[in-house]
Amino acid sequence: MSKPIVATTSLAGCFGCHMSLLDIDEKVLDLFKLVELNKSPLNDIKKFNKKCDVGIIEGGCANDENVHVLKDFRKNCNTLIALGSCAITGGLPALRNNIKLKECMEEAYINNITTKDNNKEEIIPCDKDIPKILDRIYPINEVVKIDYYIPGCPPRAKLIWLTLRALITGEEVDIPYEVIKYD
């Protein structure tokens, strides 16, 4: 019997959810016995080379490249999991949503103390090789259909492990309350 194929990616976030995934410690070896890892920063495979059973996405969509990657995951993965607060709600990056994009860019490149003296021409970078910033940070379910959500900032390692193991093995997910509580 072949192993389920899993892919992961990080969009607009801090990579903390991937770090939490690695925090399952020695169970990561058990995970790799259960799955084949395809496109992921964990194995540095940059492009899909086969259809995946499960795609795990952390981070929201802040630019057009994030949207492209997310849609590519939806196309290449049978099941998508939103991992963490940034994927589910936009998380901390979504604090930008209360500021007009023009104001945000001017503050970042023209009006702040570190650029004020070094950007006399008041240039805001704009190049075809730089992803276009979106008007706001979008939770990933506003861009594609998401099948499962694992909450947290970052989600606890045990919650990730229990959820992935259950999904991969087809077992019931029996998550103890202390794994998902917030305090």
Protein backbone atom coordinates (compact mmCIF):
# COMPACT_ATOMS: atom_id res chain seq x y z
CA MET A 1 0.00 0.00 0.00
CA SER A 2 1.40 3.40 -0.96
CA LYS A 3 1.79 6.19 1.54
CA PRO A 4 -0.39 9.30 1.36
CA ILE A 5 1.47 12.18 -0.28
CA VAL A 6 1.65 15.43 1.70
CA ALA A 7 2.75 18.92 0.62
CA THR A 8 3.23 22.02 2.78
CA THR A 9 3.80 25.72 2.19
CA SER A 10 4.03 29.00 4.05
CA LEU A 11 2.33 32.13 2.72
CA ALA A 12 2.09 35.47 4.60
CA GLY A 13 3.02 34.47 8.13
CA CYS A 14 6.06 33.82 10.28
CA PHE A 15 6.78 30.12 9.58
CA GLY A 16 5.84 29.38 13.21
CA CYS A 17 3.32 26.72 12.18
CA HIS A 18 6.01 24.75 10.34
CA MET A 19 8.21 25.11 13.43
CA SER A 20 5.34 23.79 15.54
CA LEU A 21 5.00 20.86 13.14
CA LEU A 22 8.68 20.11 13.71
CA ASP A 23 8.04 20.38 17.46
CA ILE A 24 6.33 16.99 17.37
CA ASP A 25 9.94 15.93 17.99
CA GLU A 26 10.63 12.23 17.45
CA LYS A 27 7.09 11.74 16.15
CA VAL A 28 8.27 13.48 12.98
CA LEU A 29 9.98 10.16 12.20
CA ASP A 30 6.64 8.41 12.70
CA LEU A 31 5.03 10.99 10.41
CA PHE A 32 7.56 10.25 7.68
CA LYS A 33 6.84 6.53 8.06
CA LEU A 34 3.16 7.33 7.41
CA VAL A 35 3.52 9.81 4.53
CA GLU A 36 5.60 10.74 1.54
CA LEU A 37 6.51 14.42 1.63
CA ASN A 38 6.26 16.18 -1.72
CA LYS A 39 6.51 19.94 -2.32
CA SER A 40 7.55 21.51 0.98
CA PRO A 41 10.13 23.82 2.53
CA LEU A 42 10.89 20.88 4.84
CA ASN A 43 12.46 18.92 1.99
CA ASP A 44 13.16 21.83 -0.39
CA ILE A 45 11.07 20.38 -3.24
CA LYS A 46 9.91 23.55 -5.00
CA LYS A 47 7.37 22.19 -7.52
CA PHE A 48 4.71 19.53 -7.41
CA ASN A 49 5.92 16.38 -9.14
CA LYS A 50 2.77 14.38 -8.44
CA LYS A 51 -0.79 14.78 -7.16
CA CYS A 52 -0.91 15.06 -3.38
CA ASP A 53 -3.43 13.68 -0.95
CA VAL A 54 -3.01 16.44 1.64
CA GLY A 55 -1.80 20.03 1.39
CA ILE A 56 -0.98 21.95 4.57
CA ILE A 57 -1.04 25.75 4.26
CA GLU A 58 0.17 28.24 6.84
CA GLY A 59 -0.19 31.99 6.38
CA GLY A 60 -2.73 34.18 4.63
CA CYS A 61 -2.65 35.85 1.22
CA ALA A 62 -0.87 39.21 1.20
CA ASN A 63 0.28 39.34 -2.43
CA ASP A 64 -0.48 37.88 -5.84
CA GLU A 65 2.24 35.23 -5.47
CA ASN A 66 0.52 33.91 -2.31
CA VAL A 67 -2.74 33.61 -4.27
CA HIS A 68 -0.97 31.78 -7.12
CA VAL A 69 0.70 29.31 -4.72
CA LEU A 70 -2.57 28.71 -2.87
CA LYS A 71 -4.53 28.04 -6.07
CA ASP A 72 -1.74 25.70 -7.22
CA PHE A 73 -2.08 23.79 -3.94
CA ARG A 74 -5.85 23.52 -4.37
CA LYS A 75 -5.33 22.18 -7.89
CA ASN A 76 -2.67 19.65 -6.83
CA CYS A 77 -4.00 18.48 -3.43
CA ASN A 78 -7.15 16.48 -2.75
CA THR A 79 -7.49 17.86 0.78
CA LEU A 80 -6.33 21.24 2.09
CA ILE A 81 -5.65 22.05 5.73
CA ALA A 82 -5.49 25.65 6.97
CA LEU A 83 -2.81 25.58 9.66
CA GLY A 84 -2.80 28.38 12.22
CA SER A 85 -4.37 31.76 12.78
CA CYS A 86 -2.82 33.50 9.76
CA ALA A 87 -4.29 30.92 7.37
CA ILE A 88 -7.65 30.88 9.14
CA THR A 89 -8.23 34.59 9.86
CA GLY A 90 -5.27 36.48 8.38
CA GLY A 91 -3.62 36.55 11.82
CA LEU A 92 -1.22 39.30 12.82
CA PRO A 93 -0.49 40.33 9.20
CA ALA A 94 -4.20 41.19 8.88
CA LEU A 95 -3.68 44.10 11.28
CA ARG A 96 -2.71 45.92 8.08
CA ASN A 97 -6.32 45.57 6.88
CA ASN A 98 -7.32 48.69 8.82
CA ILE A 99 -4.83 50.85 6.91
CA LYS A 100 -5.24 51.88 3.28
CA LEU A 101 -2.61 50.19 1.11
CA LYS A 102 -1.29 53.57 -0.15
CA GLU A 103 -0.73 54.76 3.43
CA CYS A 104 0.94 51.50 4.37
CA MET A 105 3.36 51.65 1.42
CA GLU A 106 4.16 55.33 2.05
CA GLU A 107 4.91 54.59 5.70
CA ALA A 108 7.12 51.64 4.80
CA TYR A 109 9.11 53.31 2.01
CA ILE A 110 8.84 57.10 2.38
CA ASN A 111 7.76 58.40 5.79
CA ASN A 112 9.52 56.16 8.30
CA ILE A 113 12.64 57.15 10.16
CA THR A 114 14.92 54.64 8.43
CA THR A 115 13.99 55.61 4.85
CA LYS A 116 13.17 59.31 5.19
CA ASP A 117 16.78 60.41 4.61
CA ASN A 118 17.67 57.63 2.17
CA ASN A 119 14.72 57.85 -0.23
CA LYS A 120 14.69 61.51 -1.32
CA GLU A 121 12.97 60.55 -4.59
CA GLU A 122 10.15 58.95 -2.56
CA ILE A 123 10.28 55.73 -4.57
CA ILE A 124 7.92 52.90 -3.70
CA PRO A 125 9.32 49.69 -5.24
CA CYS A 126 7.30 48.45 -8.19
CA ASP A 127 8.80 45.83 -10.46
CA LYS A 128 7.43 42.85 -12.35
CA ASP A 129 9.67 40.57 -10.27
CA ILE A 130 8.22 41.79 -6.96
CA PRO A 131 4.86 40.23 -6.01
CA LYS A 132 2.02 42.75 -6.15
CA ILE A 133 0.71 43.58 -2.67
CA LEU A 134 -3.03 42.93 -2.29
CA ASP A 135 -5.44 45.53 -0.91
CA ARG A 136 -5.69 43.49 2.31
CA ILE A 137 -4.61 40.20 3.87
CA TYR A 138 -7.05 37.43 2.95
CA PRO A 139 -7.66 34.28 5.00
CA ILE A 140 -7.07 31.38 2.62
CA ASN A 141 -10.69 30.18 2.71
CA GLU A 142 -11.63 33.43 0.94
CA VAL A 143 -9.48 32.34 -2.02
CA VAL A 144 -9.97 28.54 -2.23
CA LYS A 145 -12.04 25.81 -0.57
CA ILE A 146 -10.45 24.56 2.66
CA ASP A 147 -11.31 21.13 4.04
CA TYR A 148 -9.89 21.26 7.59
CA TYR A 149 -8.73 23.91 10.05
CA ILE A 150 -6.14 23.55 12.81
CA PRO A 151 -6.30 26.68 15.00
CA GLY A 152 -3.59 28.34 17.05
CA CYS A 153 -0.75 30.81 16.82
CA PRO A 154 0.99 28.56 16.29
CA PRO A 155 -1.09 25.42 16.79
CA ARG A 156 0.31 23.18 19.49
CA ALA A 157 2.53 20.42 18.15
CA LYS A 158 0.38 17.73 19.76
CA LEU A 159 -2.75 19.10 18.07
CA ILE A 160 -1.01 19.02 14.67
CA TRP A 161 0.24 15.47 15.27
CA LEU A 162 -3.13 14.10 16.46
CA THR A 163 -5.01 15.75 13.59
CA LEU A 164 -2.59 14.67 10.85
CA ARG A 165 -2.30 11.13 12.16
CA ALA A 166 -6.09 10.77 12.31
CA LEU A 167 -6.54 12.23 8.84
CA ILE A 168 -3.84 10.04 7.32
CA THR A 169 -4.85 6.80 9.05
CA GLY A 170 -8.60 7.38 8.79
CA GLU A 171 -9.02 7.17 12.56
CA GLU A 172 -11.43 9.31 14.54
CA VAL A 173 -9.88 12.54 15.72
CA ASP A 174 -9.93 12.38 19.51
CA ILE A 175 -8.38 15.64 20.63
CA PRO A 176 -8.20 16.24 24.38
CA TYR A 177 -9.46 19.65 25.50
CA GLU A 178 -6.11 20.65 27.01
CA VAL A 179 -4.52 20.45 23.54
CA ILE A 180 -6.83 23.05 21.99
CA LYS A 181 -7.57 25.39 24.89
CA TYR A 182 -6.23 28.92 24.92
CA ASP A 183 -4.88 30.36 28.13
